[in-house]
Amino acid sequence: MPDAKKGDLIRIHKVVLAPEQRPDGLPSSTASLPYECWIKGFLIEDTAGIGDTVRIKTFIGREISGELSEVAPTYDHDFGEPQRELLLIGDEAGLRLENFHKTNGE
């Protein structure tokens, strides 16, 4: 049974530059790795499985091919633990603006 069918939102993986194609001057830890991208779009083929080379149509209408890596991709990143200083800065900035307007007659 296929993992995805035509029109499904999927994510593809594509190697843009192999290590030997990357420009000179990069740190060795970076230069030794391929330059890769993951792109979301809608499957153009009738069906496909994870690992198949497929074509997608992106949200802006580009057609791109790559290896099917995920079906119905979700956002799975976060911004880490809340930082106390950043949580309080909004109130502090508001008070400073209020005081500025009071002292400047605005």
C-alpha atoms as a PDB file:
ATOM      1  CA  MET A   1       0.000   0.000   0.000  1.00  0.00           C
ATOM      2  CA  PRO A   2       1.420   3.452  -0.908  1.00  0.00           C
ATOM      3  CA  ASP A   3       2.241   5.996   1.776  1.00  0.00           C
ATOM      4  CA  ALA A   4       0.925   8.957  -0.247  1.00  0.00           C
ATOM      5  CA  LYS A   5      -1.489   9.620  -3.066  1.00  0.00           C
ATOM      6  CA  LYS A   6      -1.829  12.403  -5.606  1.00  0.00           C
ATOM      7  CA  GLY A   7      -2.530  15.755  -3.975  1.00  0.00           C
ATOM      8  CA  ASP A   8      -1.299  14.756  -0.498  1.00  0.00           C
ATOM      9  CA  LEU A   9       0.899  17.245   1.326  1.00  0.00           C
ATOM     10  CA  ILE A  10       4.347  15.688   1.643  1.00  0.00           C
ATOM     11  CA  ARG A  11       7.939  16.637   2.387  1.00  0.00           C
ATOM     12  CA  ILE A  12      10.781  15.719   0.050  1.00  0.00           C
ATOM     13  CA  HIS A  13      14.507  15.609   0.681  1.00  0.00           C
ATOM     14  CA  LYS A  14      16.967  16.793  -1.914  1.00  0.00           C
ATOM     15  CA  VAL A  15      20.752  17.061  -2.024  1.00  0.00           C
ATOM     16  CA  VAL A  16      21.476  20.447  -3.591  1.00  0.00           C
ATOM     17  CA  LEU A  17      25.287  20.168  -3.555  1.00  0.00           C
ATOM     18  CA  ALA A  18      27.448  17.115  -2.880  1.00  0.00           C
ATOM     19  CA  PRO A  19      30.461  17.763  -0.616  1.00  0.00           C
ATOM     20  CA  GLU A  20      32.822  17.978  -3.617  1.00  0.00           C
ATOM     21  CA  GLN A  21      30.578  20.624  -5.219  1.00  0.00           C
ATOM     22  CA  ARG A  22      30.585  22.966  -2.210  1.00  0.00           C
ATOM     23  CA  PRO A  23      32.634  26.179  -2.440  1.00  0.00           C
ATOM     24  CA  ASP A  24      36.128  26.568  -1.048  1.00  0.00           C
ATOM     25  CA  GLY A  25      36.571  28.401   2.217  1.00  0.00           C
ATOM     26  CA  LEU A  26      33.951  26.568   4.237  1.00  0.00           C
ATOM     27  CA  PRO A  27      34.938  25.099   7.611  1.00  0.00           C
ATOM     28  CA  SER A  28      35.989  21.463   7.145  1.00  0.00           C
ATOM     29  CA  SER A  29      33.108  20.226   9.306  1.00  0.00           C
ATOM     30  CA  THR A  30      30.680  21.933   6.915  1.00  0.00           C
ATOM     31  CA  ALA A  31      32.519  21.264   3.653  1.00  0.00           C
ATOM     32  CA  SER A  32      32.522  17.511   4.262  1.00  0.00           C
ATOM     33  CA  LEU A  33      28.723  17.357   4.302  1.00  0.00           C
ATOM     34  CA  PRO A  34      26.217  17.706   1.463  1.00  0.00           C
ATOM     35  CA  TYR A  35      24.094  20.844   1.234  1.00  0.00           C
ATOM     36  CA  GLU A  36      20.552  19.527   1.666  1.00  0.00           C
ATOM     37  CA  CYS A  37      17.008  20.833   1.706  1.00  0.00           C
ATOM     38  CA  TRP A  38      13.593  19.577   2.716  1.00  0.00           C
ATOM     39  CA  ILE A  39      10.636  21.017   0.820  1.00  0.00           C
ATOM     40  CA  LYS A  40       6.892  20.699   1.377  1.00  0.00           C
ATOM     41  CA  GLY A  41       4.455  20.408  -1.482  1.00  0.00           C
ATOM     42  CA  PHE A  42       1.670  18.406  -3.035  1.00  0.00           C
ATOM     43  CA  LEU A  43       2.399  15.038  -4.667  1.00  0.00           C
ATOM     44  CA  ILE A  44       2.023  15.114  -8.448  1.00  0.00           C
ATOM     45  CA  GLU A  45       2.316  11.339  -9.030  1.00  0.00           C
ATOM     46  CA  ASP A  46      -0.693   9.078  -8.455  1.00  0.00           C
ATOM     47  CA  THR A  47       0.929   7.194  -5.546  1.00  0.00           C
ATOM     48  CA  ALA A  48       4.324   6.978  -3.854  1.00  0.00           C
ATOM     49  CA  GLY A  49       6.108   5.408  -0.922  1.00  0.00           C
ATOM     50  CA  ILE A  50       8.664   6.739   1.524  1.00  0.00           C
ATOM     51  CA  GLY A  51      12.041   6.754  -0.243  1.00  0.00           C
ATOM     52  CA  ASP A  52      10.597   7.035  -3.762  1.00  0.00           C
ATOM     53  CA  THR A  53      11.782   9.819  -6.046  1.00  0.00           C
ATOM     54  CA  VAL A  54       8.724  11.999  -6.651  1.00  0.00           C
ATOM     55  CA  ARG A  55       7.654  15.352  -8.020  1.00  0.00           C
ATOM     56  CA  ILE A  56       5.785  17.920  -5.960  1.00  0.00           C
ATOM     57  CA  LYS A  57       4.074  21.214  -6.613  1.00  0.00           C
ATOM     58  CA  THR A  58       5.043  23.718  -3.913  1.00  0.00           C
ATOM     59  CA  PHE A  59       2.751  26.290  -2.329  1.00  0.00           C
ATOM     60  CA  ILE A  60       4.028  28.906  -4.791  1.00  0.00           C
ATOM     61  CA  GLY A  61       3.561  26.627  -7.821  1.00  0.00           C
ATOM     62  CA  ARG A  62       7.121  25.376  -8.429  1.00  0.00           C
ATOM     63  CA  GLU A  63       7.569  21.759  -9.503  1.00  0.00           C
ATOM     64  CA  ILE A  64      10.503  20.058  -7.779  1.00  0.00           C
ATOM     65  CA  SER A  65      11.645  16.458  -7.513  1.00  0.00           C
ATOM     66  CA  GLY A  66      13.225  14.720  -4.564  1.00  0.00           C
ATOM     67  CA  GLU A  67      12.978  11.729  -2.256  1.00  0.00           C
ATOM     68  CA  LEU A  68       9.692  11.366  -0.377  1.00  0.00           C
ATOM     69  CA  SER A  69      10.615  11.644   3.298  1.00  0.00           C
ATOM     70  CA  GLU A  70       7.341  12.384   5.095  1.00  0.00           C
ATOM     71  CA  VAL A  71       3.596  12.374   4.484  1.00  0.00           C
ATOM     72  CA  ALA A  72       1.452  15.083   6.120  1.00  0.00           C
ATOM     73  CA  PRO A  73       4.478  16.846   7.662  1.00  0.00           C
ATOM     74  CA  THR A  74       3.994  18.847  10.824  1.00  0.00           C
ATOM     75  CA  TYR A  75       5.967  21.619  12.474  1.00  0.00           C
ATOM     76  CA  ASP A  76       8.025  20.011  15.207  1.00  0.00           C
ATOM     77  CA  HIS A  77      10.373  22.788  16.299  1.00  0.00           C
ATOM     78  CA  ASP A  78      10.196  25.011  19.336  1.00  0.00           C
ATOM     79  CA  PHE A  79      12.082  27.924  20.810  1.00  0.00           C
ATOM     80  CA  GLY A  80      13.313  26.210  23.966  1.00  0.00           C
ATOM     81  CA  GLU A  81      12.545  27.024  27.570  1.00  0.00           C
ATOM     82  CA  PRO A  82      10.988  30.425  28.316  1.00  0.00           C
ATOM     83  CA  GLN A  83      13.570  32.928  29.531  1.00  0.00           C
ATOM     84  CA  ARG A  84      12.441  34.957  32.550  1.00  0.00           C
ATOM     85  CA  GLU A  85      14.095  38.148  31.286  1.00  0.00           C
ATOM     86  CA  LEU A  86      12.214  37.931  28.000  1.00  0.00           C
ATOM     87  CA  LEU A  87       8.898  37.220  29.712  1.00  0.00           C
ATOM     88  CA  LEU A  88       9.175  40.417  31.760  1.00  0.00           C
ATOM     89  CA  ILE A  89      10.545  42.740  29.077  1.00  0.00           C
ATOM     90  CA  GLY A  90       7.138  43.541  27.550  1.00  0.00           C
ATOM     91  CA  ASP A  91       5.802  45.044  30.771  1.00  0.00           C
ATOM     92  CA  GLU A  92       9.042  46.932  31.389  1.00  0.00           C
ATOM     93  CA  ALA A  93       9.074  48.363  27.872  1.00  0.00           C
ATOM     94  CA  GLY A  94       5.447  49.455  28.268  1.00  0.00           C
ATOM     95  CA  LEU A  95       6.223  51.275  31.525  1.00  0.00           C
ATOM     96  CA  ARG A  96       9.229  53.011  29.990  1.00  0.00           C
ATOM     97  CA  LEU A  97       7.181  54.177  26.992  1.00  0.00           C
ATOM     98  CA  GLU A  98       4.424  55.405  29.266  1.00  0.00           C
ATOM     99  CA  ASN A  99       6.923  57.375  31.375  1.00  0.00           C
ATOM    100  CA  PHE A 100       8.585  58.762  28.248  1.00  0.00           C
ATOM    101  CA  HIS A 101       5.270  60.082  26.944  1.00  0.00           C
ATOM    102  CA  LYS A 102       4.412  61.606  30.340  1.00  0.00           C
ATOM    103  CA  THR A 103       7.747  63.428  30.656  1.00  0.00           C
ATOM    104  CA  ASN A 104       7.678  64.674  27.057  1.00  0.00           C
ATOM    105  CA  GLY A 105       4.107  65.944  27.160  1.00  0.00           C
ATOM    106  CA  GLU A 106       2.838  63.595  24.506  1.00  0.00           C
END
